[in-house]
C-alpha atoms as a PDB file:
ATOM      1  CA  MET A   1      57.051 150.414  38.469  1.00  0.00           C
ATOM      2  CA  SER A   2      55.592 151.997  35.345  1.00  0.00           C
ATOM      3  CA  ASN A   3      58.977 153.456  34.377  1.00  0.00           C
ATOM      4  CA  ILE A   4      60.607 150.036  34.137  1.00  0.00           C
ATOM      5  CA  HIS A   5      59.984 147.991  30.999  1.00  0.00           C
ATOM      6  CA  GLN A   6      58.663 144.529  31.661  1.00  0.00           C
ATOM      7  CA  SER A   7      61.562 142.933  29.763  1.00  0.00           C
ATOM      8  CA  ALA A   8      64.232 144.558  31.950  1.00  0.00           C
ATOM      9  CA  VAL A   9      66.063 142.241  34.365  1.00  0.00           C
ATOM     10  CA  ILE A  10      66.752 143.913  37.705  1.00  0.00           C
ATOM     11  CA  GLU A  11      68.272 142.013  40.600  1.00  0.00           C
ATOM     12  CA  GLU A  12      66.870 142.407  44.066  1.00  0.00           C
ATOM     13  CA  GLY A  13      68.835 145.039  45.988  1.00  0.00           C
ATOM     14  CA  ALA A  14      69.346 147.462  43.114  1.00  0.00           C
ATOM     15  CA  SER A  15      68.402 151.043  44.033  1.00  0.00           C
ATOM     16  CA  ILE A  16      66.455 152.776  41.282  1.00  0.00           C
ATOM     17  CA  HIS A  17      64.895 156.192  41.819  1.00  0.00           C
ATOM     18  CA  PRO A  18      61.139 156.240  41.122  1.00  0.00           C
ATOM     19  CA  THR A  19      61.621 158.835  38.353  1.00  0.00           C
ATOM     20  CA  ALA A  20      64.340 156.865  36.546  1.00  0.00           C
ATOM     21  CA  LYS A  21      63.361 155.097  33.323  1.00  0.00           C
ATOM     22  CA  ILE A  22      64.667 151.637  32.503  1.00  0.00           C
ATOM     23  CA  GLY A  23      64.100 150.570  28.906  1.00  0.00           C
ATOM     24  CA  PRO A  24      63.697 147.172  27.264  1.00  0.00           C
ATOM     25  CA  TYR A  25      66.185 144.376  27.918  1.00  0.00           C
ATOM     26  CA  CYS A  26      68.357 146.305  30.349  1.00  0.00           C
ATOM     27  CA  VAL A  27      70.176 144.165  32.944  1.00  0.00           C
ATOM     28  CA  ILE A  28      70.934 145.732  36.313  1.00  0.00           C
ATOM     29  CA  ASP A  29      72.819 143.994  39.132  1.00  0.00           C
ATOM     30  CA  SER A  30      71.969 144.143  42.820  1.00  0.00           C
ATOM     31  CA  GLY A  31      74.708 146.608  43.770  1.00  0.00           C
ATOM     32  CA  VAL A  32      73.692 149.291  41.272  1.00  0.00           C
ATOM     33  CA  SER A  33      72.251 152.690  42.172  1.00  0.00           C
ATOM     34  CA  ILE A  34      70.479 154.852  39.577  1.00  0.00           C
ATOM     35  CA  GLY A  35      69.490 158.460  40.298  1.00  0.00           C
ATOM     36  CA  ALA A  36      66.473 160.637  39.613  1.00  0.00           C
ATOM     37  CA  ASP A  37      65.370 161.217  36.001  1.00  0.00           C
ATOM     38  CA  THR A  38      68.139 159.044  34.602  1.00  0.00           C
ATOM     39  CA  VAL A  39      67.194 157.101  31.470  1.00  0.00           C
ATOM     40  CA  LEU A  40      68.598 153.779  30.305  1.00  0.00           C
ATOM     41  CA  LYS A  41      67.345 153.515  26.733  1.00  0.00           C
ATOM     42  CA  SER A  42      67.555 149.747  26.090  1.00  0.00           C
ATOM     43  CA  HIS A  43      69.970 146.802  26.244  1.00  0.00           C
ATOM     44  CA  VAL A  44      72.132 148.571  28.828  1.00  0.00           C
ATOM     45  CA  ALA A  45      74.105 146.299  31.176  1.00  0.00           C
ATOM     46  CA  VAL A  46      75.092 147.763  34.556  1.00  0.00           C
ATOM     47  CA  ALA A  47      77.003 145.533  36.957  1.00  0.00           C
ATOM     48  CA  GLY A  48      78.847 145.524  40.266  1.00  0.00           C
ATOM     49  CA  LYS A  49      78.932 148.404  42.678  1.00  0.00           C
ATOM     50  CA  THR A  50      77.998 151.146  40.220  1.00  0.00           C
ATOM     51  CA  SER A  51      76.242 154.435  40.912  1.00  0.00           C
ATOM     52  CA  ILE A  52      74.809 156.615  38.135  1.00  0.00           C
ATOM     53  CA  GLY A  53      73.706 160.095  39.184  1.00  0.00           C
ATOM     54  CA  ASP A  54      70.688 162.213  38.300  1.00  0.00           C
ATOM     55  CA  ALA A  55      69.443 163.154  34.824  1.00  0.00           C
ATOM     56  CA  CYS A  56      71.883 160.941  32.924  1.00  0.00           C
ATOM     57  CA  THR A  57      71.071 159.241  29.631  1.00  0.00           C
ATOM     58  CA  VAL A  58      72.621 155.891  28.729  1.00  0.00           C
ATOM     59  CA  PHE A  59      72.155 154.619  25.174  1.00  0.00           C
ATOM     60  CA  PRO A  60      71.807 151.009  23.942  1.00  0.00           C
ATOM     61  CA  PHE A  61      74.491 148.397  24.489  1.00  0.00           C
ATOM     62  CA  ALA A  62      76.558 150.407  26.939  1.00  0.00           C
ATOM     63  CA  SER A  63      78.407 148.203  29.453  1.00  0.00           C
ATOM     64  CA  ILE A  64      79.105 149.782  32.829  1.00  0.00           C
ATOM     65  CA  GLY A  65      80.716 148.259  35.901  1.00  0.00           C
ATOM     66  CA  HIS A  66      81.736 144.868  34.529  1.00  0.00           C
ATOM     67  CA  ALA A  67      85.119 143.392  35.461  1.00  0.00           C
ATOM     68  CA  PRO A  68      88.123 145.434  34.302  1.00  0.00           C
ATOM     69  CA  GLN A  69      90.456 144.215  31.572  1.00  0.00           C
ATOM     70  CA  ASP A  70      93.341 143.812  33.996  1.00  0.00           C
ATOM     71  CA  LEU A  71      94.983 140.466  34.773  1.00  0.00           C
ATOM     72  CA  LYS A  72      95.768 141.728  38.288  1.00  0.00           C
ATOM     73  CA  PHE A  73      92.046 141.986  39.062  1.00  0.00           C
ATOM     74  CA  HIS A  74      90.820 139.086  41.179  1.00  0.00           C
ATOM     75  CA  GLY A  75      87.262 140.080  41.979  1.00  0.00           C
ATOM     76  CA  GLU A  76      88.078 142.561  44.734  1.00  0.00           C
ATOM     77  CA  ASP A  77      85.403 144.999  45.896  1.00  0.00           C
ATOM     78  CA  SER A  78      85.596 148.022  43.598  1.00  0.00           C
ATOM     79  CA  GLU A  79      83.206 150.498  42.045  1.00  0.00           C
ATOM     80  CA  VAL A  80      82.202 152.955  39.359  1.00  0.00           C
ATOM     81  CA  GLN A  81      80.803 156.392  40.219  1.00  0.00           C
ATOM     82  CA  ILE A  82      79.145 158.514  37.523  1.00  0.00           C
ATOM     83  CA  GLY A  83      77.934 162.032  38.284  1.00  0.00           C
ATOM     84  CA  ASP A  84      74.868 163.970  37.135  1.00  0.00           C
ATOM     85  CA  HIS A  85      73.768 165.068  33.647  1.00  0.00           C
ATOM     86  CA  CYS A  86      76.096 162.715  31.797  1.00  0.00           C
ATOM     87  CA  VAL A  87      75.345 161.318  28.331  1.00  0.00           C
ATOM     88  CA  ILE A  88      76.778 157.873  27.639  1.00  0.00           C
ATOM     89  CA  ARG A  89      76.313 156.777  24.056  1.00  0.00           C
ATOM     90  CA  GLU A  90      76.081 153.387  22.345  1.00  0.00           C
ATOM     91  CA  HIS A  91      78.629 150.632  23.079  1.00  0.00           C
ATOM     92  CA  VAL A  92      80.552 152.635  25.685  1.00  0.00           C
ATOM     93  CA  THR A  93      82.461 150.507  28.212  1.00  0.00           C
ATOM     94  CA  ILE A  94      83.313 151.758  31.700  1.00  0.00           C
ATOM     95  CA  ASN A  95      85.236 149.436  34.033  1.00  0.00           C
ATOM     96  CA  PRO A  96      85.451 149.579  37.833  1.00  0.00           C
ATOM     97  CA  GLY A  97      88.642 150.187  39.767  1.00  0.00           C
ATOM     98  CA  THR A  98      91.196 147.717  41.101  1.00  0.00           C
ATOM     99  CA  ALA A  99      92.881 147.278  44.451  1.00  0.00           C
ATOM    100  CA  GLY A 100      96.095 148.724  43.051  1.00  0.00           C
ATOM    101  CA  GLY A 101      94.454 151.945  41.890  1.00  0.00           C
ATOM    102  CA  GLY A 102      92.140 152.867  44.732  1.00  0.00           C
ATOM    103  CA  ALA A 103      89.297 150.540  43.678  1.00  0.00           C
ATOM    104  CA  LEU A 104      87.364 153.374  42.044  1.00  0.00           C
ATOM    105  CA  THR A 105      86.664 154.620  38.539  1.00  0.00           C
ATOM    106  CA  LYS A 106      85.036 158.044  38.776  1.00  0.00           C
ATOM    107  CA  ILE A 107      83.336 160.267  36.196  1.00  0.00           C
ATOM    108  CA  GLY A 108      82.168 163.791  37.060  1.00  0.00           C
ATOM    109  CA  ASN A 109      79.127 165.811  35.998  1.00  0.00           C
ATOM    110  CA  ASP A 110      77.995 166.949  32.548  1.00  0.00           C
ATOM    111  CA  CYS A 111      80.253 164.605  30.601  1.00  0.00           C
ATOM    112  CA  LEU A 112      79.608 163.412  27.054  1.00  0.00           C
ATOM    113  CA  ILE A 113      80.987 159.936  26.401  1.00  0.00           C
ATOM    114  CA  MET A 114      80.411 159.213  22.722  1.00  0.00           C
ATOM    115  CA  VAL A 115      80.003 155.961  20.771  1.00  0.00           C
ATOM    116  CA  ALA A 116      82.298 153.056  21.707  1.00  0.00           C
ATOM    117  CA  ALA A 117      84.556 155.100  23.980  1.00  0.00           C
ATOM    118  CA  HIS A 118      86.337 153.089  26.679  1.00  0.00           C
ATOM    119  CA  ILE A 119      87.147 154.196  30.219  1.00  0.00           C
ATOM    120  CA  ALA A 120      89.401 151.656  31.892  1.00  0.00           C
ATOM    121  CA  HIS A 121      89.902 150.782  35.537  1.00  0.00           C
ATOM    122  CA  ASP A 122      90.844 153.443  38.089  1.00  0.00           C
ATOM    123  CA  CYS A 123      90.385 156.393  35.732  1.00  0.00           C
ATOM    124  CA  ARG A 124      89.372 159.772  37.102  1.00  0.00           C
ATOM    125  CA  VAL A 125      87.364 161.891  34.667  1.00  0.00           C
ATOM    126  CA  GLY A 126      86.414 165.433  35.677  1.00  0.00           C
ATOM    127  CA  ASN A 127      83.397 167.591  34.845  1.00  0.00           C
ATOM    128  CA  HIS A 128      82.325 168.698  31.330  1.00  0.00           C
ATOM    129  CA  VAL A 129      84.722 166.250  29.695  1.00  0.00           C
ATOM    130  CA  ILE A 130      84.054 164.997  26.148  1.00  0.00           C
ATOM    131  CA  LEU A 131      85.323 161.682  24.828  1.00  0.00           C
ATOM    132  CA  VAL A 132      84.631 161.511  21.093  1.00  0.00           C
ATOM    133  CA  ASN A 133      83.795 158.249  19.275  1.00  0.00           C
ATOM    134  CA  ASN A 134      86.188 155.368  20.018  1.00  0.00           C
ATOM    135  CA  ALA A 135      88.398 157.388  22.367  1.00  0.00           C
ATOM    136  CA  THR A 136      90.190 154.986  24.708  1.00  0.00           C
ATOM    137  CA  LEU A 137      91.565 155.630  28.190  1.00  0.00           C
ATOM    138  CA  GLY A 138      94.047 153.162  29.645  1.00  0.00           C
ATOM    139  CA  GLY A 139      94.033 152.374  33.347  1.00  0.00           C
ATOM    140  CA  HIS A 140      94.684 155.089  35.949  1.00  0.00           C
ATOM    141  CA  VAL A 141      94.280 157.958  33.457  1.00  0.00           C
ATOM    142  CA  VAL A 142      93.271 161.342  34.910  1.00  0.00           C
ATOM    143  CA  ILE A 143      91.253 163.757  32.759  1.00  0.00           C
ATOM    144  CA  ASP A 144      90.632 167.204  34.252  1.00  0.00           C
ATOM    145  CA  ASP A 145      87.604 169.463  33.696  1.00  0.00           C
ATOM    146  CA  PHE A 146      86.585 170.596  30.188  1.00  0.00           C
ATOM    147  CA  ALA A 147      89.169 168.462  28.401  1.00  0.00           C
ATOM    148  CA  ILE A 148      88.264 166.989  25.007  1.00  0.00           C
ATOM    149  CA  ILE A 149      89.677 163.688  23.739  1.00  0.00           C
ATOM    150  CA  GLY A 150      89.350 163.367  19.969  1.00  0.00           C
ATOM    151  CA  GLY A 151      87.881 160.381  18.164  1.00  0.00           C
ATOM    152  CA  LEU A 152      89.994 157.235  17.752  1.00  0.00           C
ATOM    153  CA  SER A 153      92.558 158.560  20.228  1.00  0.00           C
ATOM    154  CA  ALA A 154      94.269 156.346  22.794  1.00  0.00           C
ATOM    155  CA  VAL A 155      95.589 157.631  26.125  1.00  0.00           C
ATOM    156  CA  HIS A 156      98.335 155.542  27.743  1.00  0.00           C
ATOM    157  CA  GLN A 157      97.829 154.304  31.294  1.00  0.00           C
ATOM    158  CA  PHE A 158      98.813 156.733  34.083  1.00  0.00           C
ATOM    159  CA  VAL A 159      98.745 159.746  31.736  1.00  0.00           C
ATOM    160  CA  ARG A 160      97.185 163.006  32.987  1.00  0.00           C
ATOM    161  CA  ILE A 161      95.282 165.366  30.700  1.00  0.00           C
ATOM    162  CA  GLY A 162      95.024 168.893  32.106  1.00  0.00           C
ATOM    163  CA  ALA A 163      91.929 171.074  32.294  1.00  0.00           C
ATOM    164  CA  HIS A 164      90.709 172.627  29.010  1.00  0.00           C
ATOM    165  CA  ALA A 165      93.194 170.564  26.995  1.00  0.00           C
ATOM    166  CA  MET A 166      92.349 169.357  23.501  1.00  0.00           C
ATOM    167  CA  ILE A 167      93.568 166.064  22.006  1.00  0.00           C
ATOM    168  CA  GLY A 168      93.192 165.838  18.235  1.00  0.00           C
ATOM    169  CA  GLY A 169      91.618 162.801  16.588  1.00  0.00           C
ATOM    170  CA  ALA A 170      93.543 159.561  16.030  1.00  0.00           C
ATOM    171  CA  SER A 171      96.283 160.548  18.485  1.00  0.00           C
ATOM    172  CA  GLY A 172      98.381 158.320  20.708  1.00  0.00           C
ATOM    173  CA  VAL A 173      99.012 160.129  24.007  1.00  0.00           C
ATOM    174  CA  GLU A 174     101.969 158.733  25.963  1.00  0.00           C
ATOM    175  CA  THR A 175     102.805 161.694  28.213  1.00  0.00           C
ATOM    176  CA  ASP A 176     100.957 164.275  30.324  1.00  0.00           C
ATOM    177  CA  ILE A 177      99.261 167.145  28.498  1.00  0.00           C
ATOM    178  CA  ILE A 178      99.426 170.493  30.304  1.00  0.00           C
ATOM    179  CA  PRO A 179      96.184 172.379  31.015  1.00  0.00           C
ATOM    180  CA  PHE A 180      94.993 174.397  28.002  1.00  0.00           C
ATOM    181  CA  GLY A 181      97.370 172.424  25.786  1.00  0.00           C
ATOM    182  CA  SER A 182      96.527 171.212  22.298  1.00  0.00           C
ATOM    183  CA  ALA A 183      98.166 167.981  21.152  1.00  0.00           C
ATOM    184  CA  THR A 184      97.876 165.645  18.199  1.00  0.00           C
ATOM    185  CA  GLY A 185      99.810 162.998  16.317  1.00  0.00           C
ATOM    186  CA  ASN A 186     100.454 159.280  16.040  1.00  0.00           C
ATOM    187  CA  ARG A 187     102.676 159.845  19.055  1.00  0.00           C
ATOM    188  CA  ALA A 188     101.135 163.073  20.223  1.00  0.00           C
ATOM    189  CA  VAL A 189     103.195 166.240  20.359  1.00  0.00           C
ATOM    190  CA  LEU A 190     102.168 169.566  21.806  1.00  0.00           C
ATOM    191  CA  GLY A 191     101.051 171.900  19.054  1.00  0.00           C
ATOM    192  CA  GLY A 192     100.258 174.978  21.123  1.00  0.00           C
ATOM    193  CA  LEU A 193      97.349 176.118  23.261  1.00  0.00           C
ATOM    194  CA  ASN A 194      93.648 175.426  22.974  1.00  0.00           C
ATOM    195  CA  LEU A 195      92.917 179.101  22.338  1.00  0.00           C
ATOM    196  CA  THR A 196      89.592 178.440  20.630  1.00  0.00           C
ATOM    197  CA  GLY A 197      88.375 176.550  23.667  1.00  0.00           C
ATOM    198  CA  MET A 198      89.537 179.301  26.009  1.00  0.00           C
ATOM    199  CA  LYS A 199      87.688 181.952  24.023  1.00  0.00           C
ATOM    200  CA  ARG A 200      84.515 179.871  23.950  1.00  0.00           C
ATOM    201  CA  ARG A 201      84.636 179.460  27.715  1.00  0.00           C
ATOM    202  CA  GLY A 202      85.034 183.154  28.386  1.00  0.00           C
ATOM    203  CA  PHE A 203      88.663 183.531  29.361  1.00  0.00           C
ATOM    204  CA  SER A 204      89.701 187.154  29.109  1.00  0.00           C
ATOM    205  CA  ARG A 205      92.147 188.596  26.581  1.00  0.00           C
ATOM    206  CA  ASP A 206      94.609 189.332  29.410  1.00  0.00           C
ATOM    207  CA  GLU A 207      94.475 185.744  30.674  1.00  0.00           C
ATOM    208  CA  ILE A 208      95.049 184.358  27.198  1.00  0.00           C
ATOM    209  CA  HIS A 209      97.893 186.801  26.574  1.00  0.00           C
ATOM    210  CA  ALA A 210      99.595 185.851  29.850  1.00  0.00           C
ATOM    211  CA  LEU A 211      99.278 182.161  29.102  1.00  0.00           C
ATOM    212  CA  ARG A 212     100.686 182.534  25.591  1.00  0.00           C
ATOM    213  CA  ASN A 213     103.746 184.346  26.937  1.00  0.00           C
ATOM    214  CA  ALA A 214     104.202 181.774  29.687  1.00  0.00           C
ATOM    215  CA  TYR A 215     103.918 178.939  27.143  1.00  0.00           C
ATOM    216  CA  LYS A 216     106.666 180.441  24.976  1.00  0.00           C
ATOM    217  CA  ARG A 217     108.988 180.723  27.965  1.00  0.00           C
ATOM    218  CA  LEU A 218     108.115 177.279  29.336  1.00  0.00           C
ATOM    219  CA  PHE A 219     109.093 175.542  26.116  1.00  0.00           C
ATOM    220  CA  GLY A 220     111.966 177.841  25.211  1.00  0.00           C
ATOM    221  CA  ASN A 221     115.625 176.891  25.050  1.00  0.00           C
ATOM    222  CA  ASP A 222     117.002 178.715  28.095  1.00  0.00           C
ATOM    223  CA  GLY A 223     117.897 176.590  31.106  1.00  0.00           C
ATOM    224  CA  THR A 224     116.225 173.380  32.212  1.00  0.00           C
ATOM    225  CA  PHE A 225     112.502 172.731  32.204  1.00  0.00           C
ATOM    226  CA  GLN A 226     112.396 173.061  35.999  1.00  0.00           C
ATOM    227  CA  GLU A 227     114.334 176.348  35.884  1.00  0.00           C
ATOM    228  CA  ARG A 228     111.908 177.743  33.310  1.00  0.00           C
ATOM    229  CA  THR A 229     108.985 176.636  35.476  1.00  0.00           C
ATOM    230  CA  SER A 230     110.378 178.554  38.460  1.00  0.00           C
ATOM    231  CA  LEU A 231     110.996 181.630  36.321  1.00  0.00           C
ATOM    232  CA  ILE A 232     107.406 181.625  35.053  1.00  0.00           C
ATOM    233  CA  ALA A 233     106.071 181.423  38.613  1.00  0.00           C
ATOM    234  CA  GLU A 234     108.004 184.596  39.441  1.00  0.00           C
ATOM    235  CA  GLU A 235     107.050 186.412  36.242  1.00  0.00           C
ATOM    236  CA  PHE A 236     103.289 185.695  36.336  1.00  0.00           C
ATOM    237  CA  PRO A 237     102.402 185.692  40.056  1.00  0.00           C
ATOM    238  CA  ASN A 238      98.864 187.017  39.514  1.00  0.00           C
ATOM    239  CA  SER A 239      97.728 184.876  36.589  1.00  0.00           C
ATOM    240  CA  ASP A 240      95.268 182.139  37.569  1.00  0.00           C
ATOM    241  CA  VAL A 241      95.599 180.326  34.252  1.00  0.00           C
ATOM    242  CA  VAL A 242      99.395 180.243  34.503  1.00  0.00           C
ATOM    243  CA  LYS A 243      99.090 179.002  38.078  1.00  0.00           C
ATOM    244  CA  THR A 244      96.822 176.201  36.846  1.00  0.00           C
ATOM    245  CA  VAL A 245      99.561 175.058  34.465  1.00  0.00           C
ATOM    246  CA  LEU A 246     102.284 175.328  37.096  1.00  0.00           C
ATOM    247  CA  ASP A 247     100.268 173.420  39.687  1.00  0.00           C
ATOM    248  CA  PHE A 248      99.753 170.660  37.122  1.00  0.00           C
ATOM    249  CA  ILE A 249     103.473 170.512  36.314  1.00  0.00           C
ATOM    250  CA  ASN A 250     104.364 170.404  40.005  1.00  0.00           C
ATOM    251  CA  GLY A 251     101.921 167.546  40.607  1.00  0.00           C
ATOM    252  CA  GLU A 252     102.873 163.890  40.539  1.00  0.00           C
ATOM    253  CA  THR A 253     103.639 162.529  37.090  1.00  0.00           C
ATOM    254  CA  LYS A 254     104.539 159.008  36.049  1.00  0.00           C
ATOM    255  CA  ARG A 255     104.819 159.693  32.325  1.00  0.00           C
ATOM    256  CA  GLY A 256     106.593 163.034  31.951  1.00  0.00           C
ATOM    257  CA  PHE A 257     105.247 165.919  29.891  1.00  0.00           C
ATOM    258  CA  CYS A 258     104.284 166.201  26.252  1.00  0.00           C
ATOM    259  CA  GLN A 259     106.588 168.663  24.454  1.00  0.00           C
ATOM    260  CA  PRO A 260     106.377 170.637  21.223  1.00  0.00           C
ATOM    261  CA  GLN A 261     107.990 168.939  18.247  1.00  0.00           C
END
């Protein structure tokens, strides 16, 4: 195929769309699937049962689908799924799932995974997510749509990051970050709401106002956290953004919730 460089090593059985471009010295295993118009620049290694969607770009020395860094992994059948229109920059590592986590690491559409970021086994990354340089996700982390993880940040295993949340650079995230939350710190604390991100994505003034009021009540001093959650549900029954936060809080958590300092 004219789109595959002669120095690329591709095992028999790999599925590569005729419009995909495979650059010099790429190594692709037999279980890999690569979609239409996707480009592997050079020196990209894709292993195992890995699927990369359409119109993605993968830069040199990315490693996708190789065995996870988990001592409990014993070669079980697991996979990596990457959606469409993703950009995966140099030296990124993405590991497949394990039997204990559903055997799947999944990345949505339109994600930007910047230099040397790491996505560990069994992570679930939504759509339009950005991982800045050297951001690191431990195993089983869930990142919802439009979240941004700052450079040099580390997210503890099993942590959830809500939609539209913003994690500042060089942060250590040990607990769940609510949707629209903004957190930073050596041991990250909640610093408020990602209002700049909300404005950029077209949320209305009324939605932002409702969420700000709900945030103040949620992290106030009256009653327990659960009591305040119930009160907010009654006070803002028609706010979609508040409902997004409440649904997240009422979901399963293994790490608890990040709080203001």
